[in-house]
Amino acid sequence: MSTKPAVQSQKQPTSLVEAIRYFSDIDVCTAYVAERRWPNGPVCPRCGCMEYSYLTTRRLWKCKGCKKQYSIKLGTIFEDSPLGLDKWLPAMWLVANSKNGISSHELGRALGVTQKSAWFMLQRIREACGKGGIYNGPLSGIVEADETYLGGKEGNRHADKRRHLHGKDKAAVLGMRERGGETRAVVLGLDTGDGRIGSEVRANVKRGSVLCTDEGSAYRPLVGYEHLTVNHSAKQYVDGMASTNSIESVWAVLKRGYYGIYHHFTVKHMQRYVDEFTYRLNEGNCKVHTMTRIDAMIGKTDGVRLTYKALIAE
């Protein structure tokens, strides 16, 4: 028994080829994730005790408090996955670096796993992207808000798949972006009522902030903000400080992924896809090293579980 997993002394990768080599060693993967999940040392997920011994041959920690053994995967999106971290971490690299997203077919071919396994991996990574974030508190300063709509037209569906929604063809997504800061997006689905949009804005934007929107009726009742608008109907896109160009650039990237990579999101899973794109926008600055983005992603995995049964449930 040892006190901690061994770590190879080598520089962090800067390319996909280097990343695959770096993460080919399970011991390196285990130590890498452990250092980021437990920066102050391993903590037993069951009792919270920080005293342990490390079982080198099995890559397990044994808690000196409750005497139970635990792995690096326990209590994370990796739990119960038969795939090793040598596949999970390259998958995270690909997700972090694919600006328009990566399909499950492409990921499966890259990792040598089935499309079904790759799809499940991607959904669990997306689940983590939307949870356990490093961002706290509401957006403030100058915040832009806008909606977009995803999906095909009802008239283009096969007759047996039409939902008869009386004109509501597409699912709505509300986005809010703090200039120079965080982006947040909430899937509204087919509930695009003014009250729902207003409640999401109030929940995510600090009162007293400058709120920039178009002239949609949903934003008119909002009080407590310095509300600036642009009139898109009159082809007005900037009026002094008022503009929604920043949040609309988010929709441009999202729709490139929707139409070019995924082709379709069901409303059931749409929030996870949107969380993937907002994660990359918040963490994916080209000046930020890929490994730094993966570090942030690993930080989000703790306490996040998504079982296949829950994923496919109606």
C-alpha atoms as a PDB file:
ATOM      1  CA  MET A   1       0.000   0.000   0.000  1.00  0.00           C
ATOM      2  CA  SER A   2       1.078   3.553  -0.739  1.00  0.00           C
ATOM      3  CA  THR A   3      -0.112   6.938   0.491  1.00  0.00           C
ATOM      4  CA  LYS A   4      -0.930   8.314  -2.960  1.00  0.00           C
ATOM      5  CA  PRO A   5      -0.891   7.392  -6.662  1.00  0.00           C
ATOM      6  CA  ALA A   6       2.351   7.801  -8.536  1.00  0.00           C
ATOM      7  CA  VAL A   7       2.599  10.640 -11.039  1.00  0.00           C
ATOM      8  CA  GLN A   8       4.873  10.652 -14.063  1.00  0.00           C
ATOM      9  CA  SER A   9       6.959  13.777 -14.409  1.00  0.00           C
ATOM     10  CA  GLN A  10       6.157  15.063 -17.892  1.00  0.00           C
ATOM     11  CA  LYS A  11       4.883  18.274 -19.366  1.00  0.00           C
ATOM     12  CA  GLN A  12       1.194  18.655 -20.054  1.00  0.00           C
ATOM     13  CA  PRO A  13       0.054  18.032 -23.637  1.00  0.00           C
ATOM     14  CA  THR A  14      -0.547  20.843 -26.089  1.00  0.00           C
ATOM     15  CA  SER A  15      -2.057  18.806 -28.948  1.00  0.00           C
ATOM     16  CA  LEU A  16      -4.470  15.912 -29.353  1.00  0.00           C
ATOM     17  CA  VAL A  17      -1.639  13.505 -30.243  1.00  0.00           C
ATOM     18  CA  GLU A  18       0.260  14.498 -27.083  1.00  0.00           C
ATOM     19  CA  ALA A  19      -2.949  14.240 -25.024  1.00  0.00           C
ATOM     20  CA  ILE A  20      -3.599  10.665 -26.165  1.00  0.00           C
ATOM     21  CA  ARG A  21      -0.034   9.709 -25.252  1.00  0.00           C
ATOM     22  CA  TYR A  22      -0.240  11.540 -21.929  1.00  0.00           C
ATOM     23  CA  PHE A  23      -3.511   9.912 -20.916  1.00  0.00           C
ATOM     24  CA  SER A  24      -2.577   6.428 -22.133  1.00  0.00           C
ATOM     25  CA  ASP A  25      -1.241   5.618 -18.650  1.00  0.00           C
ATOM     26  CA  ILE A  26      -4.089   4.882 -16.219  1.00  0.00           C
ATOM     27  CA  ASP A  27      -1.919   5.829 -13.237  1.00  0.00           C
ATOM     28  CA  VAL A  28      -1.253   9.258 -14.761  1.00  0.00           C
ATOM     29  CA  CYS A  29      -4.994   9.687 -15.442  1.00  0.00           C
ATOM     30  CA  THR A  30      -5.908   8.687 -11.886  1.00  0.00           C
ATOM     31  CA  ALA A  31      -3.386  11.060 -10.338  1.00  0.00           C
ATOM     32  CA  TYR A  32      -4.382  13.858 -12.709  1.00  0.00           C
ATOM     33  CA  VAL A  33      -8.088  13.642 -11.855  1.00  0.00           C
ATOM     34  CA  ALA A  34      -7.403  13.142  -8.130  1.00  0.00           C
ATOM     35  CA  GLU A  35      -5.299  16.316  -7.926  1.00  0.00           C
ATOM     36  CA  ARG A  36      -8.088  18.347  -9.513  1.00  0.00           C
ATOM     37  CA  ARG A  37     -11.005  16.726  -7.746  1.00  0.00           C
ATOM     38  CA  TRP A  38      -9.305  16.852  -4.333  1.00  0.00           C
ATOM     39  CA  PRO A  39      -6.819  19.756  -4.374  1.00  0.00           C
ATOM     40  CA  ASN A  40      -6.390  19.464  -0.589  1.00  0.00           C
ATOM     41  CA  GLY A  41      -6.092  15.676  -0.593  1.00  0.00           C
ATOM     42  CA  PRO A  42      -8.546  12.777  -1.086  1.00  0.00           C
ATOM     43  CA  VAL A  43     -11.830  12.974   0.794  1.00  0.00           C
ATOM     44  CA  CYS A  44     -13.953   9.898   1.436  1.00  0.00           C
ATOM     45  CA  PRO A  45     -17.270  10.363  -0.466  1.00  0.00           C
ATOM     46  CA  ARG A  46     -19.092   8.401   2.240  1.00  0.00           C
ATOM     47  CA  CYS A  47     -17.919   9.891   5.552  1.00  0.00           C
ATOM     48  CA  GLY A  48     -15.787  12.888   4.538  1.00  0.00           C
ATOM     49  CA  CYS A  49     -12.669  11.589   6.288  1.00  0.00           C
ATOM     50  CA  MET A  50      -9.353  12.762   4.810  1.00  0.00           C
ATOM     51  CA  GLU A  51      -7.194   9.997   6.299  1.00  0.00           C
ATOM     52  CA  TYR A  52      -6.537   7.179   3.875  1.00  0.00           C
ATOM     53  CA  SER A  53      -4.159   4.663   2.433  1.00  0.00           C
ATOM     54  CA  TYR A  54      -3.754   4.026  -1.292  1.00  0.00           C
ATOM     55  CA  LEU A  55      -3.985   0.542  -2.793  1.00  0.00           C
ATOM     56  CA  THR A  56      -1.549   0.867  -5.667  1.00  0.00           C
ATOM     57  CA  THR A  57      -2.383  -2.387  -7.452  1.00  0.00           C
ATOM     58  CA  ARG A  58      -6.119  -1.610  -7.544  1.00  0.00           C
ATOM     59  CA  ARG A  59      -5.961   2.202  -7.810  1.00  0.00           C
ATOM     60  CA  LEU A  60      -8.301   2.542  -4.820  1.00  0.00           C
ATOM     61  CA  TRP A  61      -8.226   4.596  -1.649  1.00  0.00           C
ATOM     62  CA  LYS A  62      -9.121   3.008   1.695  1.00  0.00           C
ATOM     63  CA  CYS A  63     -10.704   5.349   4.218  1.00  0.00           C
ATOM     64  CA  LYS A  64      -9.267   5.088   7.741  1.00  0.00           C
ATOM     65  CA  GLY A  65     -12.545   6.390   9.131  1.00  0.00           C
ATOM     66  CA  CYS A  66     -15.304   4.165   7.731  1.00  0.00           C
ATOM     67  CA  LYS A  67     -12.843   1.498   6.442  1.00  0.00           C
ATOM     68  CA  LYS A  68     -14.530   1.571   3.014  1.00  0.00           C
ATOM     69  CA  GLN A  69     -12.700   1.659  -0.292  1.00  0.00           C
ATOM     70  CA  TYR A  70     -13.414   4.244  -2.961  1.00  0.00           C
ATOM     71  CA  SER A  71     -12.170   5.027  -6.450  1.00  0.00           C
ATOM     72  CA  ILE A  72     -11.610   8.286  -8.265  1.00  0.00           C
ATOM     73  CA  LYS A  73     -14.805   7.620 -10.255  1.00  0.00           C
ATOM     74  CA  LEU A  74     -17.125   7.308  -7.232  1.00  0.00           C
ATOM     75  CA  GLY A  75     -19.641  10.154  -7.012  1.00  0.00           C
ATOM     76  CA  THR A  76     -18.850  11.583 -10.450  1.00  0.00           C
ATOM     77  CA  ILE A  77     -20.067  11.257 -14.031  1.00  0.00           C
ATOM     78  CA  PHE A  78     -17.471   8.458 -14.424  1.00  0.00           C
ATOM     79  CA  GLU A  79     -19.086   6.230 -11.794  1.00  0.00           C
ATOM     80  CA  ASP A  80     -20.073   2.720 -12.970  1.00  0.00           C
ATOM     81  CA  SER A  81     -18.553   3.370 -16.400  1.00  0.00           C
ATOM     82  CA  PRO A  82     -16.639   0.346 -17.751  1.00  0.00           C
ATOM     83  CA  LEU A  83     -14.527   2.748 -19.806  1.00  0.00           C
ATOM     84  CA  GLY A  84     -11.282   3.890 -18.261  1.00  0.00           C
ATOM     85  CA  LEU A  85     -10.080   7.433 -17.734  1.00  0.00           C
ATOM     86  CA  ASP A  86      -7.729   6.869 -20.676  1.00  0.00           C
ATOM     87  CA  LYS A  87     -10.841   7.229 -22.863  1.00  0.00           C
ATOM     88  CA  TRP A  88     -12.779   9.734 -20.752  1.00  0.00           C
ATOM     89  CA  LEU A  89     -10.026  12.363 -20.657  1.00  0.00           C
ATOM     90  CA  PRO A  90      -9.361  12.382 -24.434  1.00  0.00           C
ATOM     91  CA  ALA A  91     -13.150  12.644 -24.862  1.00  0.00           C
ATOM     92  CA  MET A  92     -13.118  15.733 -22.643  1.00  0.00           C
ATOM     93  CA  TRP A  93     -10.254  17.142 -24.723  1.00  0.00           C
ATOM     94  CA  LEU A  94     -12.310  16.717 -27.902  1.00  0.00           C
ATOM     95  CA  VAL A  95     -15.421  18.281 -26.339  1.00  0.00           C
ATOM     96  CA  ALA A  96     -13.446  21.240 -24.990  1.00  0.00           C
ATOM     97  CA  ASN A  97     -11.760  21.884 -28.343  1.00  0.00           C
ATOM     98  CA  SER A  98     -14.645  21.273 -30.763  1.00  0.00           C
ATOM     99  CA  LYS A  99     -16.128  24.750 -31.116  1.00  0.00           C
ATOM    100  CA  ASN A 100     -19.200  23.527 -32.988  1.00  0.00           C
ATOM    101  CA  GLY A 101     -19.527  20.283 -31.025  1.00  0.00           C
ATOM    102  CA  ILE A 102     -18.628  16.681 -31.818  1.00  0.00           C
ATOM    103  CA  SER A 103     -21.066  13.954 -32.827  1.00  0.00           C
ATOM    104  CA  SER A 104     -21.291  10.617 -31.028  1.00  0.00           C
ATOM    105  CA  HIS A 105     -20.391   8.833 -34.281  1.00  0.00           C
ATOM    106  CA  GLU A 106     -17.192  10.872 -34.624  1.00  0.00           C
ATOM    107  CA  LEU A 107     -16.253  10.430 -30.957  1.00  0.00           C
ATOM    108  CA  GLY A 108     -16.931   6.700 -31.134  1.00  0.00           C
ATOM    109  CA  ARG A 109     -14.620   6.322 -34.131  1.00  0.00           C
ATOM    110  CA  ALA A 110     -11.903   8.417 -32.442  1.00  0.00           C
ATOM    111  CA  LEU A 111     -11.988   6.428 -29.172  1.00  0.00           C
ATOM    112  CA  GLY A 112     -12.731   2.994 -30.592  1.00  0.00           C
ATOM    113  CA  VAL A 113     -16.056   2.598 -28.780  1.00  0.00           C
ATOM    114  CA  THR A 114     -19.600   2.113 -30.036  1.00  0.00           C
ATOM    115  CA  GLN A 115     -21.770   5.064 -31.020  1.00  0.00           C
ATOM    116  CA  LYS A 116     -24.132   4.246 -28.152  1.00  0.00           C
ATOM    117  CA  SER A 117     -21.289   4.358 -25.604  1.00  0.00           C
ATOM    118  CA  ALA A 118     -19.966   7.593 -27.111  1.00  0.00           C
ATOM    119  CA  TRP A 119     -23.444   9.176 -26.954  1.00  0.00           C
ATOM    120  CA  PHE A 120     -23.776   8.211 -23.276  1.00  0.00           C
ATOM    121  CA  MET A 121     -20.301   9.638 -22.551  1.00  0.00           C
ATOM    122  CA  LEU A 122     -21.175  12.911 -24.271  1.00  0.00           C
ATOM    123  CA  GLN A 123     -24.457  13.263 -22.405  1.00  0.00           C
ATOM    124  CA  ARG A 124     -22.700  12.736 -19.073  1.00  0.00           C
ATOM    125  CA  ILE A 125     -20.028  15.292 -19.977  1.00  0.00           C
ATOM    126  CA  ARG A 126     -22.771  17.751 -20.977  1.00  0.00           C
ATOM    127  CA  GLU A 127     -24.544  17.076 -17.672  1.00  0.00           C
ATOM    128  CA  ALA A 128     -21.365  18.118 -15.872  1.00  0.00           C
ATOM    129  CA  CYS A 129     -20.984  21.214 -18.060  1.00  0.00           C
ATOM    130  CA  GLY A 130     -24.295  22.497 -16.696  1.00  0.00           C
ATOM    131  CA  LYS A 131     -23.688  21.666 -13.059  1.00  0.00           C
ATOM    132  CA  GLY A 132     -21.205  22.506 -10.337  1.00  0.00           C
ATOM    133  CA  GLY A 133     -20.039  25.635 -12.078  1.00  0.00           C
ATOM    134  CA  ILE A 134     -17.394  28.019 -10.794  1.00  0.00           C
ATOM    135  CA  TYR A 135     -19.732  30.952 -11.404  1.00  0.00           C
ATOM    136  CA  ASN A 136     -21.761  32.254  -8.504  1.00  0.00           C
ATOM    137  CA  GLY A 137     -24.388  34.916  -8.186  1.00  0.00           C
ATOM    138  CA  PRO A 138     -26.391  36.763 -10.812  1.00  0.00           C
ATOM    139  CA  LEU A 139     -25.049  38.469 -13.908  1.00  0.00           C
ATOM    140  CA  SER A 140     -24.396  42.193 -13.519  1.00  0.00           C
ATOM    141  CA  GLY A 141     -23.046  45.240 -15.305  1.00  0.00           C
ATOM    142  CA  ILE A 142     -24.257  45.333 -18.917  1.00  0.00           C
ATOM    143  CA  VAL A 143     -26.254  42.203 -19.715  1.00  0.00           C
ATOM    144  CA  GLU A 144     -27.747  41.301 -23.082  1.00  0.00           C
ATOM    145  CA  ALA A 145     -30.799  39.021 -23.283  1.00  0.00           C
ATOM    146  CA  ASP A 146     -32.381  37.439 -26.324  1.00  0.00           C
ATOM    147  CA  GLU A 147     -34.225  34.298 -27.421  1.00  0.00           C
ATOM    148  CA  THR A 148     -33.635  31.916 -30.275  1.00  0.00           C
ATOM    149  CA  TYR A 149     -35.655  29.000 -31.624  1.00  0.00           C
ATOM    150  CA  LEU A 150     -34.409  25.520 -32.506  1.00  0.00           C
ATOM    151  CA  GLY A 151     -36.108  22.746 -34.418  1.00  0.00           C
ATOM    152  CA  GLY A 152     -37.891  22.052 -37.663  1.00  0.00           C
ATOM    153  CA  LYS A 153     -41.204  23.394 -38.809  1.00  0.00           C
ATOM    154  CA  GLU A 154     -44.270  21.446 -37.803  1.00  0.00           C
ATOM    155  CA  GLY A 155     -45.438  21.250 -41.408  1.00  0.00           C
ATOM    156  CA  ASN A 156     -42.241  19.436 -42.389  1.00  0.00           C
ATOM    157  CA  ARG A 157     -42.831  16.555 -39.976  1.00  0.00           C
ATOM    158  CA  HIS A 158     -44.351  13.244 -40.968  1.00  0.00           C
ATOM    159  CA  ALA A 159     -48.084  13.281 -40.349  1.00  0.00           C
ATOM    160  CA  ASP A 160     -47.853  10.722 -37.519  1.00  0.00           C
ATOM    161  CA  LYS A 161     -45.241  12.840 -35.693  1.00  0.00           C
ATOM    162  CA  ARG A 162     -46.950  16.205 -35.808  1.00  0.00           C
ATOM    163  CA  ARG A 163     -47.721  17.628 -32.404  1.00  0.00           C
ATOM    164  CA  HIS A 164     -50.577  19.946 -33.440  1.00  0.00           C
ATOM    165  CA  LEU A 165     -49.217  22.846 -31.414  1.00  0.00           C
ATOM    166  CA  HIS A 166     -51.149  25.592 -33.173  1.00  0.00           C
ATOM    167  CA  GLY A 167     -48.175  27.408 -34.650  1.00  0.00           C
ATOM    168  CA  LYS A 168     -45.563  26.591 -31.997  1.00  0.00           C
ATOM    169  CA  ASP A 169     -43.098  24.762 -34.200  1.00  0.00           C
ATOM    170  CA  LYS A 170     -39.770  25.276 -32.469  1.00  0.00           C
ATOM    171  CA  ALA A 171     -38.358  25.142 -28.947  1.00  0.00           C
ATOM    172  CA  ALA A 172     -37.246  28.453 -27.451  1.00  0.00           C
ATOM    173  CA  VAL A 173     -33.925  29.106 -25.718  1.00  0.00           C
ATOM    174  CA  LEU A 174     -33.362  32.239 -23.645  1.00  0.00           C
ATOM    175  CA  GLY A 175     -29.799  33.518 -23.453  1.00  0.00           C
ATOM    176  CA  MET A 176     -28.214  36.122 -21.183  1.00  0.00           C
ATOM    177  CA  ARG A 177     -24.648  37.332 -21.632  1.00  0.00           C
ATOM    178  CA  GLU A 178     -22.729  39.688 -19.385  1.00  0.00           C
ATOM    179  CA  ARG A 179     -20.419  41.819 -21.489  1.00  0.00           C
ATOM    180  CA  GLY A 180     -16.910  40.666 -20.680  1.00  0.00           C
ATOM    181  CA  GLY A 181     -18.304  37.909 -18.471  1.00  0.00           C
ATOM    182  CA  GLU A 182     -20.422  34.794 -18.305  1.00  0.00           C
ATOM    183  CA  THR A 183     -23.033  33.442 -20.700  1.00  0.00           C
ATOM    184  CA  ARG A 184     -26.116  31.608 -19.453  1.00  0.00           C
ATOM    185  CA  ALA A 185     -28.853  29.955 -21.471  1.00  0.00           C
ATOM    186  CA  VAL A 186     -32.103  28.299 -20.410  1.00  0.00           C
ATOM    187  CA  VAL A 187     -34.245  26.070 -22.596  1.00  0.00           C
ATOM    188  CA  LEU A 188     -37.837  27.281 -22.392  1.00  0.00           C
ATOM    189  CA  GLY A 189     -39.174  24.595 -24.714  1.00  0.00           C
ATOM    190  CA  LEU A 190     -42.617  25.487 -25.980  1.00  0.00           C
ATOM    191  CA  ASP A 191     -43.329  27.700 -22.945  1.00  0.00           C
ATOM    192  CA  THR A 192     -42.452  31.079 -24.406  1.00  0.00           C
ATOM    193  CA  GLY A 193     -44.903  33.133 -22.391  1.00  0.00           C
ATOM    194  CA  ASP A 194     -43.846  36.597 -21.284  1.00  0.00           C
ATOM    195  CA  GLY A 195     -44.046  35.569 -17.627  1.00  0.00           C
ATOM    196  CA  ARG A 196     -41.586  32.703 -18.041  1.00  0.00           C
ATOM    197  CA  ILE A 197     -39.025  34.855 -19.853  1.00  0.00           C
ATOM    198  CA  GLY A 198     -39.364  37.610 -17.267  1.00  0.00           C
ATOM    199  CA  SER A 199     -38.903  35.208 -14.337  1.00  0.00           C
ATOM    200  CA  GLU A 200     -35.718  33.752 -15.862  1.00  0.00           C
ATOM    201  CA  VAL A 201     -34.263  37.222 -16.413  1.00  0.00           C
ATOM    202  CA  ARG A 202     -35.050  38.247 -12.828  1.00  0.00           C
ATOM    203  CA  ALA A 203     -33.485  35.013 -11.522  1.00  0.00           C
ATOM    204  CA  ASN A 204     -30.242  35.476 -13.452  1.00  0.00           C
ATOM    205  CA  VAL A 205     -29.653  39.229 -13.771  1.00  0.00           C
ATOM    206  CA  LYS A 206     -28.927  41.463 -10.789  1.00  0.00           C
ATOM    207  CA  ARG A 207     -31.313  44.340 -10.204  1.00  0.00           C
ATOM    208  CA  GLY A 208     -29.803  47.671 -11.131  1.00  0.00           C
ATOM    209  CA  SER A 209     -27.903  46.192 -14.093  1.00  0.00           C
ATOM    210  CA  VAL A 210     -28.120  47.591 -17.607  1.00  0.00           C
ATOM    211  CA  LEU A 211     -30.351  45.196 -19.540  1.00  0.00           C
ATOM    212  CA  CYS A 212     -30.116  45.278 -23.346  1.00  0.00           C
ATOM    213  CA  THR A 213     -32.855  43.534 -25.339  1.00  0.00           C
ATOM    214  CA  ASP A 214     -34.883  43.847 -28.490  1.00  0.00           C
ATOM    215  CA  GLU A 215     -38.391  45.293 -28.292  1.00  0.00           C
ATOM    216  CA  GLY A 216     -40.079  41.974 -27.494  1.00  0.00           C
ATOM    217  CA  SER A 217     -43.151  42.263 -25.291  1.00  0.00           C
ATOM    218  CA  ALA A 218     -41.690  39.808 -22.739  1.00  0.00           C
ATOM    219  CA  TYR A 219     -39.115  42.371 -21.586  1.00  0.00           C
ATOM    220  CA  ARG A 220     -41.429  45.366 -21.220  1.00  0.00           C
ATOM    221  CA  PRO A 221     -42.794  44.505 -17.741  1.00  0.00           C
ATOM    222  CA  LEU A 222     -39.307  44.084 -16.250  1.00  0.00           C
ATOM    223  CA  VAL A 223     -38.557  46.694 -13.585  1.00  0.00           C
ATOM    224  CA  GLY A 224     -35.460  47.385 -11.529  1.00  0.00           C
ATOM    225  CA  TYR A 225     -33.156  47.538 -14.541  1.00  0.00           C
ATOM    226  CA  GLU A 226     -31.836  50.263 -16.811  1.00  0.00           C
ATOM    227  CA  HIS A 227     -33.586  48.813 -19.831  1.00  0.00           C
ATOM    228  CA  LEU A 228     -32.156  49.661 -23.251  1.00  0.00           C
ATOM    229  CA  THR A 229     -33.648  48.330 -26.472  1.00  0.00           C
ATOM    230  CA  VAL A 230     -32.892  48.065 -30.177  1.00  0.00           C
ATOM    231  CA  ASN A 231     -35.578  47.841 -32.848  1.00  0.00           C
ATOM    232  CA  HIS A 232     -34.705  44.901 -35.068  1.00  0.00           C
ATOM    233  CA  SER A 233     -37.864  45.380 -37.113  1.00  0.00           C
ATOM    234  CA  ALA A 234     -36.454  48.710 -38.290  1.00  0.00           C
ATOM    235  CA  LYS A 235     -33.056  47.068 -38.911  1.00  0.00           C
ATOM    236  CA  GLN A 236     -31.576  48.815 -35.887  1.00  0.00           C
ATOM    237  CA  TYR A 237     -28.848  46.703 -34.295  1.00  0.00           C
ATOM    238  CA  VAL A 238     -26.859  49.222 -32.254  1.00  0.00           C
ATOM    239  CA  ASP A 239     -28.121  52.332 -30.474  1.00  0.00           C
ATOM    240  CA  GLY A 240     -25.365  53.760 -28.314  1.00  0.00           C
ATOM    241  CA  MET A 241     -24.768  51.228 -25.540  1.00  0.00           C
ATOM    242  CA  ALA A 242     -27.852  49.212 -26.545  1.00  0.00           C
ATOM    243  CA  SER A 243     -27.108  46.093 -28.575  1.00  0.00           C
ATOM    244  CA  THR A 244     -27.776  42.370 -28.522  1.00  0.00           C
ATOM    245  CA  ASN A 245     -24.966  41.491 -30.923  1.00  0.00           C
ATOM    246  CA  SER A 246     -22.973  39.674 -28.239  1.00  0.00           C
ATOM    247  CA  ILE A 247     -25.715  37.224 -27.269  1.00  0.00           C
ATOM    248  CA  GLU A 248     -26.670  36.777 -30.912  1.00  0.00           C
ATOM    249  CA  SER A 249     -23.102  35.657 -31.632  1.00  0.00           C
ATOM    250  CA  VAL A 250     -23.782  32.857 -29.137  1.00  0.00           C
ATOM    251  CA  TRP A 251     -26.788  31.785 -31.200  1.00  0.00           C
ATOM    252  CA  ALA A 252     -24.631  31.810 -34.341  1.00  0.00           C
ATOM    253  CA  VAL A 253     -22.242  29.258 -32.810  1.00  0.00           C
ATOM    254  CA  LEU A 254     -25.082  27.177 -31.344  1.00  0.00           C
ATOM    255  CA  LYS A 255     -26.882  26.972 -34.672  1.00  0.00           C
ATOM    256  CA  ARG A 256     -23.728  26.034 -36.545  1.00  0.00           C
ATOM    257  CA  GLY A 257     -23.477  23.061 -34.212  1.00  0.00           C
ATOM    258  CA  TYR A 258     -27.199  22.301 -34.457  1.00  0.00           C
ATOM    259  CA  TYR A 259     -27.411  22.278 -38.244  1.00  0.00           C
ATOM    260  CA  GLY A 260     -23.875  21.196 -39.090  1.00  0.00           C
ATOM    261  CA  ILE A 261     -23.031  18.592 -36.453  1.00  0.00           C
ATOM    262  CA  TYR A 262     -26.097  17.366 -34.572  1.00  0.00           C
ATOM    263  CA  HIS A 263     -28.909  18.165 -37.052  1.00  0.00           C
ATOM    264  CA  HIS A 264     -31.504  17.819 -34.276  1.00  0.00           C
ATOM    265  CA  PHE A 265     -31.880  18.151 -30.492  1.00  0.00           C
ATOM    266  CA  THR A 266     -34.948  16.753 -28.790  1.00  0.00           C
ATOM    267  CA  VAL A 267     -36.424  19.148 -26.239  1.00  0.00           C
ATOM    268  CA  LYS A 268     -35.780  16.479 -23.582  1.00  0.00           C
ATOM    269  CA  HIS A 269     -31.990  16.647 -24.063  1.00  0.00           C
ATOM    270  CA  MET A 270     -31.700  20.181 -25.415  1.00  0.00           C
ATOM    271  CA  GLN A 271     -30.579  21.799 -22.146  1.00  0.00           C
ATOM    272  CA  ARG A 272     -27.521  19.546 -22.009  1.00  0.00           C
ATOM    273  CA  TYR A 273     -26.484  20.507 -25.549  1.00  0.00           C
ATOM    274  CA  VAL A 274     -26.973  24.188 -24.734  1.00  0.00           C
ATOM    275  CA  ASP A 275     -24.919  23.760 -21.542  1.00  0.00           C
ATOM    276  CA  GLU A 276     -22.101  22.258 -23.619  1.00  0.00           C
ATOM    277  CA  PHE A 277     -21.987  25.322 -25.861  1.00  0.00           C
ATOM    278  CA  THR A 278     -22.213  27.837 -23.006  1.00  0.00           C
ATOM    279  CA  TYR A 279     -19.453  25.940 -21.162  1.00  0.00           C
ATOM    280  CA  ARG A 280     -17.130  26.310 -24.145  1.00  0.00           C
ATOM    281  CA  LEU A 281     -17.965  30.006 -24.424  1.00  0.00           C
ATOM    282  CA  ASN A 282     -17.305  30.564 -20.729  1.00  0.00           C
ATOM    283  CA  GLU A 283     -14.173  28.405 -20.521  1.00  0.00           C
ATOM    284  CA  GLY A 284     -13.095  28.154 -24.145  1.00  0.00           C
ATOM    285  CA  ASN A 285     -11.263  31.392 -24.756  1.00  0.00           C
ATOM    286  CA  CYS A 286      -8.562  30.744 -27.357  1.00  0.00           C
ATOM    287  CA  LYS A 287      -6.018  32.226 -24.950  1.00  0.00           C
ATOM    288  CA  VAL A 288      -6.849  29.578 -22.323  1.00  0.00           C
ATOM    289  CA  HIS A 289      -4.870  26.323 -22.463  1.00  0.00           C
ATOM    290  CA  THR A 290      -6.958  23.258 -23.261  1.00  0.00           C
ATOM    291  CA  MET A 291      -5.794  21.517 -20.096  1.00  0.00           C
ATOM    292  CA  THR A 292      -7.039  24.475 -18.061  1.00  0.00           C
ATOM    293  CA  ARG A 293     -10.457  24.051 -19.665  1.00  0.00           C
ATOM    294  CA  ILE A 294     -10.368  20.320 -18.870  1.00  0.00           C
ATOM    295  CA  ASP A 295      -9.400  21.139 -15.269  1.00  0.00           C
ATOM    296  CA  ALA A 296     -12.549  23.252 -15.000  1.00  0.00           C
ATOM    297  CA  MET A 297     -14.616  20.453 -16.538  1.00  0.00           C
ATOM    298  CA  ILE A 298     -13.264  17.900 -14.049  1.00  0.00           C
ATOM    299  CA  GLY A 299     -14.168  20.298 -11.250  1.00  0.00           C
ATOM    300  CA  LYS A 300     -17.770  20.132 -12.437  1.00  0.00           C
ATOM    301  CA  THR A 301     -17.954  16.311 -12.404  1.00  0.00           C
ATOM    302  CA  ASP A 302     -17.920  15.910  -8.623  1.00  0.00           C
ATOM    303  CA  GLY A 303     -21.365  15.022  -7.292  1.00  0.00           C
ATOM    304  CA  VAL A 304     -22.898  14.766 -10.772  1.00  0.00           C
ATOM    305  CA  ARG A 305     -24.471  11.456 -11.817  1.00  0.00           C
ATOM    306  CA  LEU A 306     -26.480  10.539 -14.881  1.00  0.00           C
ATOM    307  CA  THR A 307     -27.541   6.916 -15.301  1.00  0.00           C
ATOM    308  CA  TYR A 308     -28.539   5.456 -18.658  1.00  0.00           C
ATOM    309  CA  LYS A 309     -31.957   4.560 -17.234  1.00  0.00           C
ATOM    310  CA  ALA A 310     -32.579   8.190 -16.281  1.00  0.00           C
ATOM    311  CA  LEU A 311     -31.210   9.406 -19.614  1.00  0.00           C
ATOM    312  CA  ILE A 312     -33.609   7.403 -21.782  1.00  0.00           C
ATOM    313  CA  ALA A 313     -36.624   7.626 -19.460  1.00  0.00           C
ATOM    314  CA  GLU A 314     -39.732   9.190 -20.955  1.00  0.00           C
END
